[in-house]
């Protein structure tokens, strides 16, 4: 995984954590209430440790009760052109 990928995944993970913590008391509580994802998977996403699939994005949005576009709202998708 490229360094820029890691940065983008970390930023996205922080947004997921922000939304999740505003709605659920803990990561385990969230995973327990959502049969779609395990707490380990969500933790890896929140920490930017996994480049997940599109289907996981859909599962996240369903579990958080938001649209996928809401998860991606105001997200900077630009890579630096330093190559």
Protein backbone atom coordinates (compact mmCIF):
# COMPACT_ATOMS: atom_id res chain seq x y z
CA UNK A 1 0.00 0.00 0.00
CA UNK A 2 1.35 3.42 -0.96
CA UNK A 3 1.89 6.08 1.70
CA UNK A 4 -0.80 8.30 0.15
CA UNK A 5 -3.26 5.41 0.31
CA UNK A 6 -2.52 5.08 4.01
CA UNK A 7 -3.14 8.79 4.57
CA UNK A 8 -6.51 8.69 2.78
CA UNK A 9 -7.58 5.51 4.59
CA UNK A 10 -6.59 7.04 7.94
CA UNK A 11 -8.63 10.17 7.21
CA UNK A 12 -11.63 8.09 6.19
CA UNK A 13 -11.25 5.94 9.31
CA UNK A 14 -11.28 9.02 11.51
CA UNK A 15 -14.56 10.09 9.93
CA UNK A 16 -16.06 6.64 10.53
CA UNK A 17 -14.91 6.75 14.17
CA UNK A 18 -16.44 10.20 14.61
CA UNK A 19 -19.82 9.07 13.28
CA UNK A 20 -19.74 5.78 15.21
CA UNK A 21 -18.84 7.36 18.56
CA UNK A 22 -21.60 9.94 18.19
CA UNK A 23 -24.17 7.13 17.89
CA UNK A 24 -22.83 4.19 19.89
CA UNK A 25 -21.22 3.94 23.30
CA UNK A 26 -18.40 1.66 22.17
CA UNK A 27 -16.97 -0.24 19.26
CA UNK A 28 -18.20 -3.53 20.73
CA UNK A 29 -21.68 -2.10 21.23
CA UNK A 30 -21.72 -0.97 17.61
CA UNK A 31 -20.57 -4.36 16.30
CA UNK A 32 -23.04 -6.18 18.55
CA UNK A 33 -25.93 -4.07 17.27
CA UNK A 34 -24.81 -4.51 13.67
CA UNK A 35 -24.57 -8.06 12.49
CA UNK A 36 -22.95 -6.75 9.30
CA UNK A 37 -19.43 -6.09 10.61
CA UNK A 38 -17.16 -7.34 13.37
CA UNK A 39 -15.53 -5.00 15.86
CA UNK A 40 -12.11 -6.10 14.52
CA UNK A 41 -13.05 -5.07 10.98
CA UNK A 42 -14.37 -1.70 12.08
CA UNK A 43 -11.28 -1.12 14.22
CA UNK A 44 -8.98 -1.83 11.28
CA UNK A 45 -10.98 0.59 9.10
CA UNK A 46 -11.02 3.31 11.75
CA UNK A 47 -7.25 3.01 12.17
CA UNK A 48 -6.63 3.09 8.41
CA UNK A 49 -5.10 -0.39 8.43
CA UNK A 50 -7.18 -1.94 5.67
CA UNK A 51 -8.02 -1.00 2.10
CA UNK A 52 -11.56 -2.34 2.17
CA UNK A 53 -13.98 -3.37 -0.56
CA UNK A 54 -16.94 -1.41 -1.89
CA UNK A 55 -19.31 -3.91 -0.27
CA UNK A 56 -17.74 -3.06 3.11
CA UNK A 57 -18.50 0.62 2.49
CA UNK A 58 -22.13 -0.32 1.93
CA UNK A 59 -22.17 -2.43 5.12
CA UNK A 60 -20.65 0.45 7.08
CA UNK A 61 -23.23 2.91 5.81
CA UNK A 62 -26.05 0.50 6.67
CA UNK A 63 -24.65 -0.18 10.13
CA UNK A 64 -24.25 3.55 10.80
CA UNK A 65 -27.66 4.27 9.29
CA UNK A 66 -26.30 6.80 6.79
CA UNK A 67 -25.94 6.79 3.03
CA UNK A 68 -22.59 5.95 1.43
CA UNK A 69 -22.53 9.50 0.07
CA UNK A 70 -22.77 10.82 3.64
CA UNK A 71 -19.65 8.84 4.57
CA UNK A 72 -17.81 10.34 1.60
CA UNK A 73 -19.15 13.87 2.02
CA UNK A 74 -16.45 16.57 2.29
CA UNK A 75 -13.74 13.97 1.82
CA UNK A 76 -10.63 15.05 -0.09
CA UNK A 77 -9.98 12.40 -2.74
CA UNK A 78 -6.94 14.13 -4.23
CA UNK A 79 -3.55 12.47 -4.42
CA UNK A 80 -0.51 14.70 -4.39
CA UNK A 81 1.12 14.83 -7.81
CA UNK A 82 4.69 14.56 -6.51
CA UNK A 83 5.77 11.56 -8.58
